Amino acid sequence: MQSTVLILTATAAGTAGAAGIPVKILGLDDMSCSAWKASSGDADDRALNIAWVRGVLTGHNYVSRRQQVSTMSSGTVEKHITRYCNENPRGDFSDAAFRLSDKFSGRNEEITK
């Protein structure tokens, strides 16, 4: 199951900016920032959400080996996703994961082919 999620997130991360093609998110049932906020009270849900984001970052590294995201703690991931969701309460934390990939890979822009 975990390897399937990793492969799927690698594919999503690699095609995020490709020619305006929308990313097909193969993630959790509810990827909204409101679901992210709600998970703060449930350690298991929060851990699952953080693991999904870390899978996206690993997928990014698999696809874009020359601009990899450095190793970061789950606490750092949580802090950045929480900040994104506070600033974009109607957004999705999947978008926050992609922005985290953009920022910490040194690109500061979406992946393009």
N, C-alpha and C. Protein backbone atom coordinates (compact mmCIF):
# COMPACT_ATOMS: atom_id res chain seq x y z
N MET A 1 0.83 -1.20 0.00
CA MET A 1 0.00 0.00 0.00
C MET A 1 0.87 1.26 0.00
N GLN A 2 1.88 1.31 0.90
CA GLN A 2 2.72 2.49 0.98
C GLN A 2 3.50 2.70 -0.31
N SER A 3 4.00 1.61 -0.93
CA SER A 3 4.75 1.77 -2.17
C SER A 3 3.85 2.24 -3.30
N THR A 4 2.59 1.83 -3.30
CA THR A 4 1.64 2.30 -4.30
C THR A 4 1.41 3.80 -4.14
N VAL A 5 1.23 4.26 -2.90
CA VAL A 5 1.03 5.69 -2.65
C VAL A 5 2.26 6.46 -3.10
N LEU A 6 3.45 5.94 -2.80
CA LEU A 6 4.69 6.62 -3.19
C LEU A 6 4.79 6.74 -4.70
N ILE A 7 4.51 5.66 -5.42
CA ILE A 7 4.57 5.71 -6.89
C ILE A 7 3.57 6.71 -7.43
N LEU A 8 2.37 6.71 -6.90
CA LEU A 8 1.35 7.62 -7.38
C LEU A 8 1.69 9.06 -7.06
N THR A 9 2.27 9.32 -5.89
CA THR A 9 2.64 10.70 -5.57
C THR A 9 3.84 11.14 -6.38
N ALA A 10 4.71 10.21 -6.73
CA ALA A 10 5.85 10.54 -7.60
C ALA A 10 5.34 11.00 -8.96
N THR A 11 4.35 10.30 -9.47
CA THR A 11 3.77 10.67 -10.74
C THR A 11 3.10 12.04 -10.65
N ALA A 12 2.36 12.27 -9.60
CA ALA A 12 1.68 13.55 -9.42
C ALA A 12 2.68 14.69 -9.31
N ALA A 13 3.71 14.50 -8.51
CA ALA A 13 4.71 15.56 -8.32
C ALA A 13 5.44 15.85 -9.61
N GLY A 14 5.68 14.84 -10.42
CA GLY A 14 6.44 15.04 -11.65
C GLY A 14 5.67 15.74 -12.75
N THR A 15 4.37 15.72 -12.68
CA THR A 15 3.59 16.32 -13.75
C THR A 15 2.85 17.57 -13.31
N ALA A 16 3.20 18.10 -12.15
CA ALA A 16 2.45 19.22 -11.56
C ALA A 16 2.32 20.41 -12.49
N GLY A 17 3.36 20.79 -13.20
CA GLY A 17 3.28 21.98 -14.02
C GLY A 17 3.32 21.69 -15.50
N ALA A 18 3.26 20.46 -15.89
CA ALA A 18 3.43 20.06 -17.28
C ALA A 18 2.31 20.61 -18.16
N ALA A 19 2.63 21.64 -18.91
CA ALA A 19 1.77 22.20 -19.95
C ALA A 19 0.33 22.46 -19.50
N GLY A 20 0.14 22.89 -18.27
CA GLY A 20 -1.20 23.23 -17.80
C GLY A 20 -2.11 22.04 -17.59
N ILE A 21 -1.56 20.84 -17.62
CA ILE A 21 -2.37 19.65 -17.40
C ILE A 21 -2.63 19.52 -15.91
N PRO A 22 -3.90 19.40 -15.50
CA PRO A 22 -4.18 19.30 -14.07
C PRO A 22 -3.60 18.02 -13.48
N VAL A 23 -3.17 18.11 -12.24
CA VAL A 23 -2.62 16.96 -11.54
C VAL A 23 -3.77 16.11 -11.01
N LYS A 24 -3.71 14.83 -11.27
CA LYS A 24 -4.69 13.90 -10.71
C LYS A 24 -4.16 13.46 -9.35
N ILE A 25 -4.78 13.96 -8.31
CA ILE A 25 -4.34 13.67 -6.95
C ILE A 25 -4.91 12.31 -6.53
N LEU A 26 -4.02 11.40 -6.25
CA LEU A 26 -4.41 10.08 -5.78
C LEU A 26 -4.00 10.00 -4.32
N GLY A 27 -4.78 10.68 -3.51
CA GLY A 27 -4.40 10.81 -2.11
C GLY A 27 -5.48 10.33 -1.18
N LEU A 28 -5.62 11.06 -0.12
CA LEU A 28 -6.58 10.73 0.92
C LEU A 28 -7.98 11.18 0.50
N ASP A 29 -8.98 10.71 1.21
CA ASP A 29 -10.36 11.05 0.84
C ASP A 29 -10.64 12.54 0.89
N ASP A 30 -10.10 13.22 1.88
CA ASP A 30 -10.34 14.66 2.03
C ASP A 30 -8.99 15.37 2.14
N MET A 31 -8.61 16.11 1.11
CA MET A 31 -7.32 16.79 1.05
C MET A 31 -7.47 18.28 1.35
N SER A 32 -8.60 18.69 1.87
CA SER A 32 -8.85 20.11 2.13
C SER A 32 -8.05 20.60 3.32
N CYS A 33 -7.83 21.90 3.34
CA CYS A 33 -7.17 22.50 4.51
C CYS A 33 -8.03 22.37 5.76
N SER A 34 -9.34 22.32 5.59
CA SER A 34 -10.18 22.12 6.77
C SER A 34 -9.96 20.72 7.34
N ALA A 35 -9.73 19.72 6.50
CA ALA A 35 -9.41 18.37 6.97
C ALA A 35 -8.05 18.37 7.66
N TRP A 36 -7.10 19.14 7.11
CA TRP A 36 -5.78 19.26 7.74
C TRP A 36 -5.93 19.83 9.15
N LYS A 37 -6.70 20.92 9.27
CA LYS A 37 -6.89 21.53 10.59
C LYS A 37 -7.56 20.56 11.54
N ALA A 38 -8.56 19.84 11.06
CA ALA A 38 -9.28 18.89 11.91
C ALA A 38 -8.37 17.76 12.38
N SER A 39 -7.37 17.43 11.59
CA SER A 39 -6.48 16.33 11.96
C SER A 39 -5.54 16.69 13.10
N SER A 40 -5.45 17.97 13.45
CA SER A 40 -4.56 18.37 14.54
C SER A 40 -4.97 17.76 15.87
N GLY A 41 -6.24 17.42 16.02
CA GLY A 41 -6.72 16.81 17.25
C GLY A 41 -6.66 15.29 17.26
N ASP A 42 -6.19 14.69 16.18
CA ASP A 42 -6.13 13.24 16.08
C ASP A 42 -4.74 12.85 15.60
N ALA A 43 -3.93 12.34 16.49
CA ALA A 43 -2.53 12.04 16.19
C ALA A 43 -2.38 11.07 15.02
N ASP A 44 -3.26 10.08 14.91
CA ASP A 44 -3.16 9.12 13.81
C ASP A 44 -3.48 9.77 12.46
N ASP A 45 -4.54 10.58 12.42
CA ASP A 45 -4.88 11.28 11.18
C ASP A 45 -3.77 12.24 10.77
N ARG A 46 -3.24 12.98 11.75
CA ARG A 46 -2.18 13.95 11.43
C ARG A 46 -0.95 13.22 10.90
N ALA A 47 -0.59 12.11 11.53
CA ALA A 47 0.57 11.33 11.08
C ALA A 47 0.36 10.82 9.66
N LEU A 48 -0.84 10.38 9.34
CA LEU A 48 -1.15 9.91 7.99
C LEU A 48 -1.03 11.05 6.98
N ASN A 49 -1.56 12.22 7.33
CA ASN A 49 -1.48 13.38 6.43
C ASN A 49 -0.02 13.79 6.21
N ILE A 50 0.77 13.81 7.26
CA ILE A 50 2.18 14.18 7.14
C ILE A 50 2.92 13.14 6.29
N ALA A 51 2.62 11.86 6.49
CA ALA A 51 3.25 10.81 5.70
C ALA A 51 2.92 10.98 4.21
N TRP A 52 1.67 11.38 3.91
CA TRP A 52 1.30 11.61 2.51
C TRP A 52 2.13 12.74 1.92
N VAL A 53 2.27 13.84 2.65
CA VAL A 53 3.07 14.97 2.16
C VAL A 53 4.52 14.54 1.97
N ARG A 54 5.07 13.81 2.90
CA ARG A 54 6.45 13.34 2.77
C ARG A 54 6.60 12.42 1.56
N GLY A 55 5.55 11.65 1.24
CA GLY A 55 5.56 10.83 0.02
C GLY A 55 5.61 11.68 -1.23
N VAL A 56 4.88 12.80 -1.22
CA VAL A 56 4.93 13.73 -2.35
C VAL A 56 6.35 14.27 -2.51
N LEU A 57 6.98 14.64 -1.40
CA LEU A 57 8.34 15.18 -1.47
C LEU A 57 9.32 14.12 -1.97
N THR A 58 9.14 12.88 -1.56
CA THR A 58 9.97 11.79 -2.06
C THR A 58 9.72 11.58 -3.55
N GLY A 59 8.47 11.66 -3.95
CA GLY A 59 8.14 11.54 -5.38
C GLY A 59 8.80 12.64 -6.19
N HIS A 60 8.80 13.84 -5.64
CA HIS A 60 9.49 14.95 -6.30
C HIS A 60 10.97 14.60 -6.49
N ASN A 61 11.61 14.10 -5.43
CA ASN A 61 13.03 13.77 -5.51
C ASN A 61 13.30 12.68 -6.53
N TYR A 62 12.38 11.74 -6.66
CA TYR A 62 12.52 10.67 -7.64
C TYR A 62 12.47 11.22 -9.06
N VAL A 63 11.56 12.15 -9.28
CA VAL A 63 11.35 12.69 -10.62
C VAL A 63 12.39 13.76 -10.97
N SER A 64 12.78 14.55 -10.02
CA SER A 64 13.65 15.69 -10.27
C SER A 64 14.92 15.57 -9.44
N ARG A 65 15.78 14.66 -9.84
CA ARG A 65 16.96 14.32 -9.03
C ARG A 65 17.99 15.44 -8.97
N ARG A 66 17.97 16.35 -9.90
CA ARG A 66 18.93 17.45 -9.88
C ARG A 66 18.51 18.59 -8.96
N GLN A 67 17.25 18.60 -8.56
CA GLN A 67 16.74 19.65 -7.67
C GLN A 67 15.92 19.00 -6.57
N GLN A 68 16.58 18.23 -5.75
CA GLN A 68 15.89 17.49 -4.71
C GLN A 68 15.58 18.34 -3.49
N VAL A 69 14.51 17.98 -2.85
CA VAL A 69 14.14 18.56 -1.56
C VAL A 69 15.05 17.91 -0.52
N SER A 70 15.64 18.73 0.33
CA SER A 70 16.50 18.20 1.39
C SER A 70 15.66 17.44 2.41
N THR A 71 16.31 16.62 3.17
CA THR A 71 15.64 15.91 4.25
C THR A 71 15.05 16.92 5.21
N MET A 72 13.81 16.69 5.61
CA MET A 72 13.18 17.58 6.59
C MET A 72 12.34 16.75 7.53
N SER A 73 12.23 17.24 8.73
CA SER A 73 11.48 16.52 9.76
C SER A 73 9.98 16.61 9.52
N SER A 74 9.27 15.70 10.15
CA SER A 74 7.81 15.75 10.09
C SER A 74 7.30 17.04 10.71
N GLY A 75 7.98 17.54 11.75
CA GLY A 75 7.59 18.80 12.38
C GLY A 75 7.70 19.97 11.43
N THR A 76 8.74 19.98 10.60
CA THR A 76 8.91 21.05 9.61
C THR A 76 7.82 20.97 8.56
N VAL A 77 7.52 19.75 8.12
CA VAL A 77 6.43 19.56 7.15
C VAL A 77 5.13 20.08 7.75
N GLU A 78 4.84 19.68 8.97
CA GLU A 78 3.60 20.09 9.63
C GLU A 78 3.51 21.61 9.75
N LYS A 79 4.59 22.24 10.13
CA LYS A 79 4.61 23.70 10.28
C LYS A 79 4.29 24.40 8.96
N HIS A 80 4.92 23.96 7.89
CA HIS A 80 4.70 24.60 6.59
C HIS A 80 3.30 24.35 6.04
N ILE A 81 2.80 23.14 6.21
CA ILE A 81 1.44 22.85 5.72
C ILE A 81 0.43 23.64 6.54
N THR A 82 0.63 23.72 7.84
CA THR A 82 -0.28 24.49 8.69
C THR A 82 -0.27 25.96 8.29
N ARG A 83 0.90 26.51 8.05
CA ARG A 83 1.00 27.91 7.63
C ARG A 83 0.24 28.12 6.30
N TYR A 84 0.46 27.23 5.35
CA TYR A 84 -0.23 27.33 4.06
C TYR A 84 -1.75 27.30 4.27
N CYS A 85 -2.21 26.36 5.06
CA CYS A 85 -3.65 26.22 5.27
C CYS A 85 -4.24 27.40 6.05
N ASN A 86 -3.47 27.99 6.95
CA ASN A 86 -3.94 29.20 7.63
C ASN A 86 -4.09 30.36 6.65
N GLU A 87 -3.19 30.44 5.68
CA GLU A 87 -3.24 31.50 4.67
C GLU A 87 -4.24 31.20 3.55
N ASN A 88 -4.56 29.93 3.34
CA ASN A 88 -5.45 29.49 2.26
C ASN A 88 -6.49 28.51 2.82
N PRO A 89 -7.38 28.97 3.70
CA PRO A 89 -8.29 28.05 4.39
C PRO A 89 -9.22 27.26 3.46
N ARG A 90 -9.44 27.75 2.27
CA ARG A 90 -10.30 27.02 1.32
C ARG A 90 -9.49 26.19 0.34
N GLY A 91 -8.19 26.15 0.56
CA GLY A 91 -7.30 25.39 -0.32
C GLY A 91 -7.22 23.93 0.08
N ASP A 92 -6.33 23.23 -0.59
CA ASP A 92 -6.07 21.83 -0.31
C ASP A 92 -4.64 21.66 0.18
N PHE A 93 -4.43 20.77 1.12
CA PHE A 93 -3.06 20.60 1.59
C PHE A 93 -2.21 19.86 0.57
N SER A 94 -2.81 19.29 -0.46
CA SER A 94 -2.00 18.75 -1.56
C SER A 94 -1.28 19.89 -2.27
N ASP A 95 -1.95 21.03 -2.45
CA ASP A 95 -1.29 22.19 -3.05
C ASP A 95 -0.15 22.67 -2.16
N ALA A 96 -0.37 22.62 -0.85
CA ALA A 96 0.69 23.01 0.08
C ALA A 96 1.89 22.10 -0.08
N ALA A 97 1.67 20.83 -0.29
CA ALA A 97 2.78 19.88 -0.49
C ALA A 97 3.55 20.22 -1.75
N PHE A 98 2.85 20.56 -2.81
CA PHE A 98 3.54 20.92 -4.06
C PHE A 98 4.33 22.22 -3.89
N ARG A 99 3.77 23.19 -3.18
CA ARG A 99 4.50 24.44 -2.93
C ARG A 99 5.73 24.20 -2.06
N LEU A 100 5.61 23.28 -1.12
CA LEU A 100 6.75 22.92 -0.28
C LEU A 100 7.85 22.31 -1.13
N SER A 101 7.45 21.46 -2.06
CA SER A 101 8.41 20.88 -3.01
C SER A 101 9.08 21.97 -3.83
N ASP A 102 8.31 22.91 -4.32
CA ASP A 102 8.86 24.01 -5.12
C ASP A 102 9.87 24.82 -4.31
N LYS A 103 9.48 25.17 -3.09
CA LYS A 103 10.31 26.04 -2.26
C LYS A 103 11.61 25.37 -1.83
N PHE A 104 11.52 24.14 -1.33
CA PHE A 104 12.69 23.51 -0.75
C PHE A 104 13.58 22.77 -1.75
N SER A 105 13.19 22.76 -3.00
CA SER A 105 14.06 22.18 -4.03
C SER A 105 14.98 23.25 -4.60
N GLY A 106 14.70 24.51 -4.26
CA GLY A 106 15.51 25.62 -4.79
C GLY A 106 14.98 26.17 -6.11
N ARG A 107 13.95 25.55 -6.66
CA ARG A 107 13.38 26.01 -7.93
C ARG A 107 12.54 27.26 -7.73
N ASN A 108 11.73 27.26 -6.67
CA ASN A 108 10.77 28.33 -6.38
C ASN A 108 9.77 28.53 -7.52
N GLU A 109 9.51 27.47 -8.24
CA GLU A 109 8.47 27.47 -9.29
C GLU A 109 8.03 26.05 -9.52
N GLU A 110 6.90 25.88 -10.20
CA GLU A 110 6.38 24.55 -10.46
C GLU A 110 7.32 23.77 -11.37
N ILE A 111 7.25 22.45 -11.25
CA ILE A 111 8.01 21.58 -12.14
C ILE A 111 7.42 21.66 -13.53
N THR A 112 8.26 21.80 -14.52
CA THR A 112 7.80 21.76 -15.91
C THR A 112 8.67 20.77 -16.67
N LYS A 113 8.15 20.25 -17.74
CA LYS A 113 8.94 19.32 -18.57
C LYS A 113 9.87 20.09 -19.45
